[in-house]
Amino acid sequence: MARRYTLVIHALNSGGAERVLVSLANHWAEAGVQVTVLTLAPLASDHYRLRAEVQRVGLDLQQTSRSPLQAVGNNLRRIRRLRRAIRESRPELVLSFTDRMNVLTLLASRWQPWPVMIAERNDPRYQLMGRVWEFLRRASYPRCAAAVVQTRPVAAHLRTWIRNRPVFVISNAAFPPQPSRVISGNKRAAVQGTGGEPPSLAAMGRLDHQKGFDLLIQAFARIASRHTAWRLRIAGQGAERAALEALARRFQLDSRVEFCGWQDDPTPFLKEAQLFVLSSRWEGFPNALLEAMSCGLPAVSFDCPSGPAEIIRHQLDGLLVPPENVEELAAAMDRLMSDPELRRELGSRAGEVVTRFRAPAIYSAWDQAVASVLSTAGGPLASR
């Protein structure tokens, strides 16, 4: 009899957690597992594509709450509907992604027979959800069968919450881009820009406080007069776009800071750049950095918690600078913008992330974690 896994997340719109969940669902479906993917969002919001064999259920329960009382009612309805949908999928295992969905899934699975694995995709030491949700997270997480995180520091932190439950550390996978669409490291370092365009720094992510694009614009402003041909291109969407555009205007850089919106396929965006910058205040395990380096881009990043130091090998394939230090970030950017040979040297090794974080090895780690949970299902680790 085929295994049956149910994967739960808020939505399948653009984002790193969503991409990882979809890749896992497709991996398991290809291996013959009967996979169901449940979201609070409706099917119409899907951005990533699942294999035809995957059962897809969208509950359409992402309504905005206008008051605390309405929020309680909406979340109770989500828990009831989620419990019913999980039960109908008849899972051998439930895997939930992202913090609030982990809480809702664990509450929906209370006194149910299926084990629940939770996946934290950010750093809970910094990604706080508010007083009520934090209380619920600490109360519900000990009921999981196991947790999956992306770095050892997050694992150590989470173990203080969930007592005797196992915590597995599994990084994100790096996927090779289509070779025909990537500029070689030598050509990228040598040219001013592709197609006669000016050279550029690339950045990607949600336009929100966590991603630190305000710090990046400040760093670029410090050195822009030294590199008048260069521009800063930021891919992503989010609530802070207007504020970031205003910041660029304040520094008189609105003609040199370009907001490119969400990129369905970031490869064409990345291949036009000479340098990638990650300015996050904190991270989980940044897919954007993996994608950029897999394209052969040298990278500069804040050594923020957590993830960049596991990906960038300092002065071998990129540069790490102290967290939220705008002056040091500007200096590192200036150093690489001024030195094509250094960009070529770092970029030539950046693509090794595809080997260092090989997808088959990552999938194997997930398979082993799931097998470990299933081997104890029905015992003390099963969710009750």
Protein backbone atom coordinates (compact mmCIF):
# COMPACT_ATOMS: atom_id res chain seq x y z
CA MET A 1 0.00 0.00 0.00
CA ALA A 2 1.30 3.45 -0.95
CA ARG A 3 2.32 5.90 1.72
CA ARG A 4 -0.04 8.85 2.25
CA TYR A 5 1.39 12.26 3.20
CA THR A 6 -0.58 15.47 3.68
CA LEU A 7 1.38 18.72 3.40
CA VAL A 8 -0.07 21.92 4.86
CA ILE A 9 0.89 25.55 4.24
CA HIS A 10 -0.89 28.92 4.12
CA ALA A 11 -0.66 29.28 0.33
CA LEU A 12 1.31 28.34 -2.75
CA ASN A 13 2.03 31.88 -3.83
CA SER A 14 5.56 33.16 -4.37
CA GLY A 15 7.98 32.48 -1.54
CA GLY A 16 10.82 30.26 -0.40
CA ALA A 17 8.81 28.07 1.98
CA GLU A 18 6.17 27.47 -0.68
CA ARG A 19 8.81 26.50 -3.20
CA VAL A 20 10.40 23.98 -0.84
CA LEU A 21 7.04 22.41 0.03
CA VAL A 22 6.13 22.05 -3.65
CA SER A 23 9.48 20.47 -4.48
CA LEU A 24 8.99 17.95 -1.65
CA ALA A 25 5.43 17.18 -2.72
CA ASN A 26 6.60 16.55 -6.29
CA HIS A 27 9.54 14.45 -5.09
CA TRP A 28 7.31 12.20 -3.00
CA ALA A 29 4.61 11.96 -5.66
CA GLU A 30 7.24 10.89 -8.19
CA ALA A 31 8.35 8.21 -5.70
CA GLY A 32 4.81 6.82 -5.54
CA VAL A 33 3.60 8.45 -2.34
CA GLN A 34 -0.04 9.61 -2.37
CA VAL A 35 0.38 13.30 -1.59
CA THR A 36 -2.26 15.86 -0.65
CA VAL A 37 -1.40 19.57 -0.40
CA LEU A 38 -3.74 21.69 1.75
CA THR A 39 -3.72 25.49 1.91
CA LEU A 40 -5.86 28.13 3.55
CA ALA A 41 -5.64 30.09 0.30
CA PRO A 42 -7.79 29.20 -2.71
CA LEU A 43 -6.39 27.33 -5.72
CA ALA A 44 -6.55 30.48 -7.84
CA SER A 45 -3.67 32.00 -5.85
CA ASP A 46 -1.25 29.16 -6.69
CA HIS A 47 2.08 30.25 -8.12
CA TYR A 48 4.06 27.01 -8.11
CA ARG A 49 3.11 23.94 -10.12
CA LEU A 50 2.47 20.54 -8.58
CA ARG A 51 2.65 17.22 -10.38
CA ALA A 52 -0.69 15.95 -11.68
CA GLU A 53 -0.66 13.07 -9.18
CA VAL A 54 -0.77 15.45 -6.18
CA GLN A 55 -4.22 16.01 -4.69
CA ARG A 56 -4.64 19.77 -4.25
CA VAL A 57 -7.13 21.26 -1.77
CA GLY A 58 -7.61 24.99 -1.25
CA LEU A 59 -9.84 25.92 1.69
CA ASP A 60 -10.26 29.62 0.81
CA LEU A 61 -10.01 30.68 4.45
CA GLN A 62 -7.59 33.62 4.29
CA GLN A 63 -10.13 36.32 5.10
CA THR A 64 -8.79 39.36 6.92
CA SER A 65 -10.02 39.82 10.50
CA ARG A 66 -11.24 43.30 11.47
CA SER A 67 -11.18 42.79 15.24
CA PRO A 68 -9.64 40.45 17.83
CA LEU A 69 -13.00 38.77 18.33
CA GLN A 70 -13.40 38.17 14.62
CA ALA A 71 -9.84 36.82 14.47
CA VAL A 72 -10.69 34.25 17.13
CA GLY A 73 -13.77 33.19 15.20
CA ASN A 74 -11.91 32.99 11.89
CA ASN A 75 -9.15 30.88 13.38
CA LEU A 76 -11.58 28.51 15.09
CA ARG A 77 -13.26 28.04 11.72
CA ARG A 78 -9.87 27.42 10.09
CA ILE A 79 -9.02 24.79 12.71
CA ARG A 80 -12.33 22.96 12.18
CA ARG A 81 -12.07 23.02 8.39
CA LEU A 82 -8.42 22.04 8.48
CA ARG A 83 -9.14 19.08 10.76
CA ARG A 84 -11.90 17.90 8.42
CA ALA A 85 -9.73 18.28 5.30
CA ILE A 86 -6.81 16.43 6.88
CA ARG A 87 -9.11 13.64 8.03
CA GLU A 88 -10.55 13.33 4.51
CA SER A 89 -7.05 12.97 3.08
CA ARG A 90 -6.49 9.93 5.37
CA PRO A 91 -2.82 10.70 6.03
CA GLU A 92 -0.18 8.46 7.43
CA LEU A 93 1.81 11.63 8.14
CA VAL A 94 1.08 15.37 8.20
CA LEU A 95 3.84 17.87 7.44
CA SER A 96 3.13 21.53 8.19
CA PHE A 97 5.20 24.49 6.96
CA THR A 98 5.61 27.97 8.54
CA ASP A 99 4.94 29.22 12.03
CA ARG A 100 1.23 30.10 12.17
CA MET A 101 0.25 27.15 10.01
CA ASN A 102 2.22 24.91 12.35
CA VAL A 103 0.16 26.19 15.27
CA LEU A 104 -3.16 25.79 13.44
CA THR A 105 -2.24 22.32 12.18
CA LEU A 106 -1.21 21.12 15.63
CA LEU A 107 -4.40 22.48 17.16
CA ALA A 108 -6.45 20.86 14.37
CA SER A 109 -4.66 17.56 15.00
CA ARG A 110 -5.32 17.46 18.73
CA TRP A 111 -6.54 13.95 19.70
CA GLN A 112 -6.19 12.77 16.08
CA PRO A 113 -4.28 9.60 15.06
CA TRP A 114 -1.82 11.11 12.58
CA PRO A 115 1.68 12.30 13.56
CA VAL A 116 2.47 15.91 12.71
CA MET A 117 5.91 17.10 11.64
CA ILE A 118 6.40 20.86 11.70
CA ALA A 119 8.87 22.82 9.58
CA GLU A 120 10.14 26.18 10.83
CA ARG A 121 11.25 28.13 7.76
CA ASN A 122 12.53 31.22 9.52
CA ASP A 123 14.35 32.01 12.76
CA PRO A 124 11.83 32.02 15.65
CA ARG A 125 14.28 33.95 17.81
CA TYR A 126 13.62 36.97 15.59
CA GLN A 127 10.49 36.17 13.57
CA LEU A 128 7.98 36.91 16.31
CA MET A 129 4.24 36.61 15.75
CA GLY A 130 2.75 38.69 18.55
CA ARG A 131 1.87 37.80 22.12
CA VAL A 132 -1.11 35.51 21.49
CA TRP A 133 0.48 33.58 18.63
CA GLU A 134 3.75 33.20 20.52
CA PHE A 135 1.85 31.76 23.48
CA LEU A 136 0.06 29.33 21.17
CA ARG A 137 3.32 28.36 19.48
CA ARG A 138 5.00 27.50 22.77
CA ALA A 139 1.91 25.63 23.95
CA SER A 140 1.35 23.65 20.74
CA TYR A 141 4.85 22.88 19.44
CA PRO A 142 5.59 20.23 22.13
CA ARG A 143 2.75 18.19 20.60
CA CYS A 144 4.56 17.73 17.28
CA ALA A 145 6.04 14.38 16.34
CA ALA A 146 9.21 16.10 15.14
CA ALA A 147 10.47 19.44 13.88
CA VAL A 148 12.59 20.34 10.87
CA VAL A 149 14.73 23.48 10.84
CA GLN A 150 17.44 24.73 8.52
CA THR A 151 20.36 25.59 10.81
CA ARG A 152 21.92 24.27 14.01
CA PRO A 153 21.38 27.46 16.08
CA VAL A 154 17.65 27.36 15.36
CA ALA A 155 17.60 23.66 16.23
CA ALA A 156 19.22 24.37 19.60
CA HIS A 157 16.67 27.07 20.30
CA LEU A 158 13.69 24.96 19.29
CA ARG A 159 14.82 22.01 21.43
CA THR A 160 14.24 24.17 24.51
CA TRP A 161 10.56 24.31 23.56
CA ILE A 162 9.64 20.83 22.38
CA ARG A 163 11.29 18.73 25.06
CA ASN A 164 11.94 15.15 23.85
CA ARG A 165 10.76 15.57 20.27
CA PRO A 166 13.46 15.10 17.60
CA VAL A 167 14.66 18.14 15.68
CA PHE A 168 16.17 17.55 12.23
CA VAL A 169 18.44 20.10 10.55
CA ILE A 170 17.87 20.08 6.79
CA SER A 171 19.04 22.96 4.62
CA ASN A 172 17.38 24.10 1.42
CA ALA A 173 18.52 22.64 -1.86
CA ALA A 174 20.31 24.64 -4.55
CA PHE A 175 19.15 23.92 -8.08
CA PRO A 176 21.27 24.51 -11.18
CA PRO A 177 19.82 27.15 -13.51
CA GLN A 178 19.37 26.43 -17.18
CA PRO A 179 22.93 26.62 -18.56
CA SER A 180 21.92 28.47 -21.70
CA ARG A 181 20.52 31.30 -19.61
CA VAL A 182 23.53 31.94 -17.40
CA ILE A 183 26.50 34.15 -18.15
CA SER A 184 29.83 32.62 -17.24
CA GLY A 185 31.70 34.13 -14.31
CA ASN A 186 34.48 35.41 -16.60
CA LYS A 187 32.08 37.17 -18.96
CA ARG A 188 30.04 38.63 -16.10
CA ALA A 189 33.09 40.14 -14.44
CA ALA A 190 34.48 41.52 -17.68
CA VAL A 191 31.44 43.24 -19.15
CA GLN A 192 29.85 46.44 -17.96
CA GLY A 193 26.43 44.90 -18.31
CA THR A 194 24.68 42.51 -20.63
CA GLY A 195 23.26 43.88 -23.85
CA GLY A 196 25.08 47.19 -23.35
CA GLU A 197 23.26 47.86 -20.09
CA PRO A 198 25.06 49.46 -17.12
CA PRO A 199 26.49 47.14 -14.44
CA SER A 200 24.17 46.31 -11.59
CA LEU A 201 23.85 44.91 -8.11
CA ALA A 202 20.92 42.51 -7.70
CA ALA A 203 18.83 41.86 -4.59
CA MET A 204 15.69 39.74 -4.15
CA GLY A 205 13.06 39.16 -1.49
CA ARG A 206 9.87 40.40 0.11
CA LEU A 207 9.82 44.14 0.52
CA ASP A 208 9.51 44.10 4.30
CA HIS A 209 11.51 44.96 7.40
CA GLN A 210 13.17 41.55 7.69
CA LYS A 211 14.86 41.79 4.30
CA GLY A 212 16.61 45.06 5.12
CA PHE A 213 16.33 46.77 1.75
CA ASP A 214 16.32 50.11 3.59
CA LEU A 215 19.82 49.25 4.84
CA LEU A 216 20.86 48.23 1.33
CA ILE A 217 19.70 51.53 -0.18
CA GLN A 218 21.57 53.42 2.54
CA ALA A 219 24.73 51.42 1.78
CA PHE A 220 24.37 52.03 -1.95
CA ALA A 221 23.90 55.76 -1.29
CA ARG A 222 27.27 55.88 0.49
CA ILE A 223 29.17 54.67 -2.57
CA ALA A 224 26.96 55.65 -5.49
CA SER A 225 29.05 58.71 -6.33
CA ARG A 226 32.13 56.48 -6.71
CA HIS A 227 30.36 54.16 -9.15
CA THR A 228 28.20 56.39 -11.30
CA ALA A 229 27.53 53.72 -13.93
CA TRP A 230 26.16 51.19 -11.48
CA ARG A 231 22.52 50.71 -10.56
CA LEU A 232 20.77 48.74 -7.83
CA ARG A 233 17.96 46.40 -8.98
CA ILE A 234 15.60 44.90 -6.38
CA ALA A 235 13.23 42.06 -7.28
CA GLY A 236 10.26 41.39 -5.03
CA GLN A 237 6.99 42.74 -3.81
CA GLY A 238 5.65 43.74 -0.42
CA ALA A 239 4.14 46.36 1.82
CA GLU A 240 7.29 48.50 2.11
CA ARG A 241 7.71 49.27 -1.58
CA ALA A 242 6.41 52.84 -1.34
CA ALA A 243 8.62 53.59 1.68
CA LEU A 244 11.67 52.16 -0.07
CA GLU A 245 10.96 54.19 -3.22
CA ALA A 246 10.70 57.30 -1.04
CA LEU A 247 14.03 56.44 0.59
CA ALA A 248 15.70 56.15 -2.81
CA ARG A 249 14.26 59.55 -3.80
CA ARG A 250 15.55 61.06 -0.55
CA PHE A 251 19.07 60.03 -1.53
CA GLN A 252 18.42 61.27 -5.11
CA LEU A 253 18.85 57.72 -6.38
CA ASP A 254 15.38 57.10 -7.80
CA SER A 255 16.86 56.87 -11.32
CA ARG A 256 19.45 54.32 -10.19
CA VAL A 257 17.42 52.12 -7.81
CA GLU A 258 15.01 49.98 -9.79
CA PHE A 259 12.15 48.00 -8.24
CA CYS A 260 11.57 45.11 -10.60
CA GLY A 261 8.61 43.35 -8.95
CA TRP A 262 8.24 39.63 -8.47
CA GLN A 263 10.22 37.45 -10.91
CA ASP A 264 8.53 34.18 -11.85
CA ASP A 265 11.90 32.94 -13.04
CA PRO A 266 14.74 34.90 -11.39
CA THR A 267 17.44 33.57 -13.72
CA PRO A 268 17.08 36.28 -16.40
CA PHE A 269 17.08 38.94 -13.68
CA LEU A 270 20.18 37.49 -12.01
CA LYS A 271 22.12 36.88 -15.20
CA GLU A 272 22.11 40.61 -15.95
CA ALA A 273 23.86 41.46 -12.67
CA GLN A 274 27.53 41.54 -11.71
CA LEU A 275 26.98 41.21 -7.95
CA PHE A 276 24.31 39.97 -5.53
CA VAL A 277 23.62 41.54 -2.12
CA LEU A 278 21.65 40.02 0.77
CA SER A 279 20.79 42.70 3.32
CA SER A 280 18.46 40.74 5.63
CA ARG A 281 18.26 41.49 9.34
CA TRP A 282 17.60 37.78 9.92
CA GLU A 283 16.92 34.77 7.73
CA GLY A 284 15.97 31.14 7.74
CA PHE A 285 18.09 29.70 4.93
CA PRO A 286 17.81 32.19 2.08
CA ASN A 287 16.76 30.69 -1.23
CA ALA A 288 17.51 33.99 -2.96
CA LEU A 289 21.18 33.67 -2.01
CA LEU A 290 21.29 30.07 -3.24
CA GLU A 291 19.68 31.05 -6.53
CA ALA A 292 22.09 33.94 -7.09
CA MET A 293 25.19 31.92 -6.31
CA SER A 294 24.00 29.00 -8.45
CA CYS A 295 24.05 31.50 -11.33
CA GLY A 296 27.71 32.23 -10.61
CA LEU A 297 27.15 35.57 -8.92
CA PRO A 298 29.61 36.69 -6.23
CA ALA A 299 27.64 37.68 -3.15
CA VAL A 300 27.88 40.13 -0.28
CA SER A 301 25.70 39.41 2.74
CA PHE A 302 25.13 40.46 6.30
CA ASP A 303 26.28 37.63 8.55
CA CYS A 304 22.80 37.65 10.04
CA PRO A 305 21.10 34.87 11.96
CA SER A 306 20.72 32.44 10.40
CA GLY A 307 21.76 30.91 7.07
CA PRO A 308 24.19 33.16 5.16
CA ALA A 309 27.27 31.90 7.03
CA GLU A 310 26.28 28.33 6.13
CA ILE A 311 26.06 29.28 2.44
CA ILE A 312 28.79 31.85 1.80
CA ARG A 313 32.39 30.78 2.33
CA HIS A 314 33.89 34.13 3.29
CA GLN A 315 36.42 35.42 0.75
CA LEU A 316 36.11 32.18 -1.22
CA ASP A 317 32.77 32.65 -2.99
CA GLY A 318 31.45 35.80 -1.33
CA LEU A 319 31.87 38.28 1.49
CA LEU A 320 30.19 38.35 4.91
CA VAL A 321 29.90 41.58 6.91
CA PRO A 322 28.60 42.25 10.45
CA PRO A 323 24.80 42.22 10.75
CA GLU A 324 23.00 45.52 10.03
CA ASN A 325 26.33 47.36 9.67
CA VAL A 326 25.60 49.71 6.77
CA GLU A 327 29.16 51.08 6.65
CA GLU A 328 30.70 47.59 6.36
CA LEU A 329 28.11 46.55 3.77
CA ALA A 330 28.92 49.62 1.69
CA ALA A 331 32.65 48.90 1.97
CA ALA A 332 32.22 45.29 0.80
CA MET A 333 30.03 46.36 -2.11
CA ASP A 334 32.56 49.06 -3.03
CA ARG A 335 35.38 46.52 -2.91
CA LEU A 336 33.68 44.17 -5.37
CA MET A 337 32.30 46.91 -7.63
CA SER A 338 35.86 48.26 -7.96
CA ASP A 339 37.55 44.91 -8.65
CA PRO A 340 36.40 42.86 -11.66
CA GLU A 341 39.11 40.27 -11.00
CA LEU A 342 37.84 39.65 -7.46
CA ARG A 343 34.29 39.37 -8.77
CA ARG A 344 35.51 36.83 -11.31
CA GLU A 345 37.39 34.84 -8.67
CA LEU A 346 34.50 34.68 -6.18
CA GLY A 347 31.92 34.10 -8.89
CA SER A 348 33.87 31.17 -10.30
CA ARG A 349 33.34 29.31 -7.00
CA ALA A 350 29.85 30.56 -6.18
CA GLY A 351 28.19 27.96 -8.40
CA GLU A 352 29.55 25.20 -6.17
CA VAL A 353 26.46 25.70 -3.97
CA VAL A 354 24.68 23.39 -6.40
CA THR A 355 27.08 20.60 -5.37
CA ARG A 356 27.28 21.58 -1.71
CA PHE A 357 23.49 21.62 -1.34
CA ARG A 358 22.57 18.93 -3.85
CA ALA A 359 18.84 18.33 -4.19
CA PRO A 360 19.13 14.50 -4.01
CA ALA A 361 20.97 14.75 -0.70
CA ILE A 362 18.39 17.16 0.69
CA TYR A 363 15.52 14.91 -0.41
CA SER A 364 17.27 11.94 1.16
CA ALA A 365 17.53 13.82 4.47
CA TRP A 366 13.79 14.54 4.36
CA ASP A 367 13.05 10.90 3.54
CA GLN A 368 15.10 9.76 6.52
CA ALA A 369 13.40 12.24 8.85
CA VAL A 370 9.95 11.11 7.73
CA ALA A 371 10.94 7.44 8.05
CA SER A 372 12.12 8.10 11.60
CA VAL A 373 8.79 9.68 12.53
CA LEU A 374 6.75 6.92 10.88
CA SER A 375 8.76 4.28 12.72
CA THR A 376 7.51 5.72 16.00
CA ALA A 377 3.98 6.57 14.85
CA GLY A 378 1.46 5.19 17.29
CA GLY A 379 4.03 5.41 20.08
CA PRO A 380 4.87 8.29 22.41
CA LEU A 381 5.75 10.67 19.57
CA ALA A 382 2.45 10.40 17.76
CA SER A 383 0.34 13.55 17.97
CA ARG A 384 -2.61 13.18 20.30
